[in-house]
Amino acid sequence: MQTTSPRRTLDLRGTTCPMAFVKTRLFLDTLVNGDIASIVYEKTRSNEPLVRSIRSLGHEILSETDTHSLPSFISADVDAASRPPVNTLQLIVIEVQVKK
């Protein structure tokens, strides 16, 4: 009987390609065939080729979801007028099935 590994997650927030791809490849290389992994990365122009690059390695993209995350570094004790504008950070979450 084959058991599946627990789902693993790679958080690439703050990382852009080509380093995001390098980290992704090293991460996926540690998994076994059939494992499913979640990868979270920032939706930026430099990260646009990430999904295509993962596919080029032979892995299957099961899903791709856009999400938003608000920065949590804005202190509540700072006067609202002096706060910098709060922009949302758009994140992408992909589910990848490892194919080896």
Protein backbone atom coordinates (compact mmCIF):
# COMPACT_ATOMS: atom_id res chain seq x y z
CA MET A 1 0.00 0.00 0.00
CA GLN A 2 1.40 3.36 -1.04
CA THR A 3 0.97 6.24 1.38
CA THR A 4 1.11 9.85 0.32
CA SER A 5 3.27 12.41 2.04
CA PRO A 6 1.63 15.30 3.89
CA ARG A 7 1.09 18.32 1.66
CA ARG A 8 4.04 20.70 1.76
CA THR A 9 4.04 24.46 1.19
CA LEU A 10 6.71 26.73 -0.24
CA ASP A 11 6.29 30.41 0.62
CA LEU A 12 8.05 32.60 -1.94
CA ARG A 13 6.74 35.97 -0.75
CA GLY A 14 9.50 38.53 -1.20
CA THR A 15 11.28 36.39 -3.82
CA THR A 16 11.25 37.06 -7.54
CA CYS A 17 12.42 35.11 -10.56
CA PRO A 18 14.92 33.84 -11.33
CA MET A 19 15.55 33.07 -7.64
CA ALA A 20 11.89 32.08 -7.13
CA PHE A 21 12.32 29.40 -9.80
CA VAL A 22 15.60 28.19 -8.30
CA LYS A 23 13.99 27.81 -4.86
CA THR A 24 10.95 26.12 -6.42
CA ARG A 25 13.06 23.61 -8.31
CA LEU A 26 15.12 22.74 -5.22
CA PHE A 27 11.91 22.36 -3.19
CA LEU A 28 10.21 20.14 -5.77
CA ASP A 29 13.35 18.00 -6.10
CA THR A 30 12.95 17.00 -2.42
CA LEU A 31 9.48 15.57 -3.05
CA VAL A 32 8.53 12.20 -4.50
CA ASN A 33 6.45 11.39 -7.55
CA GLY A 34 2.77 12.03 -6.90
CA ASP A 35 3.26 14.43 -3.99
CA ILE A 36 1.14 17.58 -4.08
CA ALA A 37 2.69 20.87 -2.99
CA SER A 38 1.35 24.39 -2.54
CA ILE A 39 3.50 27.28 -3.72
CA VAL A 40 2.70 30.87 -2.73
CA TYR A 41 4.31 33.71 -4.66
CA GLU A 42 3.78 37.39 -5.40
CA LYS A 43 2.02 38.30 -8.62
CA THR A 44 4.73 40.43 -10.20
CA ARG A 45 5.93 40.84 -13.75
CA SER A 46 9.21 39.08 -12.94
CA ASN A 47 7.33 36.04 -11.59
CA GLU A 48 5.13 35.61 -14.69
CA PRO A 49 7.24 32.74 -16.11
CA LEU A 50 7.18 30.71 -12.87
CA VAL A 51 4.21 28.47 -13.74
CA ARG A 52 5.51 27.88 -17.27
CA SER A 53 8.92 26.96 -15.85
CA ILE A 54 7.40 24.48 -13.40
CA ARG A 55 5.48 22.86 -16.26
CA SER A 56 8.69 22.68 -18.32
CA LEU A 57 10.14 20.45 -15.58
CA GLY A 58 7.29 18.01 -16.21
CA HIS A 59 5.20 18.76 -13.13
CA GLU A 60 1.42 19.23 -13.32
CA ILE A 61 -0.28 22.44 -12.19
CA LEU A 62 -3.51 21.34 -10.49
CA SER A 63 -4.82 24.81 -9.63
CA GLU A 64 -3.86 28.47 -9.66
CA THR A 65 -5.64 30.93 -7.35
CA ASP A 66 -5.25 34.70 -6.98
CA THR A 67 -5.53 35.97 -3.43
CA HIS A 68 -4.78 39.18 -1.53
CA SER A 69 -2.84 39.80 1.64
CA LEU A 70 -2.71 43.08 3.53
CA PRO A 71 0.62 44.14 4.99
CA SER A 72 0.68 43.78 8.76
CA PHE A 73 3.56 46.17 9.46
CA ILE A 74 1.43 49.32 9.83
CA SER A 75 1.41 50.22 13.51
CA ALA A 76 -1.96 51.07 15.06
CA ASP A 77 -0.42 53.88 17.13
CA VAL A 78 0.69 55.86 14.06
CA ASP A 79 -1.56 58.79 13.19
CA ALA A 80 -3.80 57.84 10.25
CA ALA A 81 -2.81 61.00 8.32
CA SER A 82 0.88 60.11 8.48
CA ARG A 83 0.47 56.46 7.49
CA PRO A 84 1.68 55.42 4.07
CA PRO A 85 -1.05 54.25 1.70
CA VAL A 86 -1.91 50.61 2.29
CA ASN A 87 -1.67 48.66 -0.93
CA THR A 88 -2.69 45.07 -1.14
CA LEU A 89 -0.16 42.52 -2.17
CA GLN A 90 -1.55 40.17 -4.76
CA LEU A 91 -0.49 36.60 -4.22
CA ILE A 92 -0.84 33.51 -6.35
CA VAL A 93 -1.26 30.07 -4.79
CA ILE A 94 -0.60 27.11 -7.07
CA GLU A 95 -1.07 23.43 -6.35
CA VAL A 96 1.56 21.30 -8.07
CA GLN A 97 1.62 17.54 -8.47
CA VAL A 98 5.19 16.29 -8.65
CA LYS A 99 5.99 14.18 -11.70
CA LYS A 100 9.33 12.41 -11.78
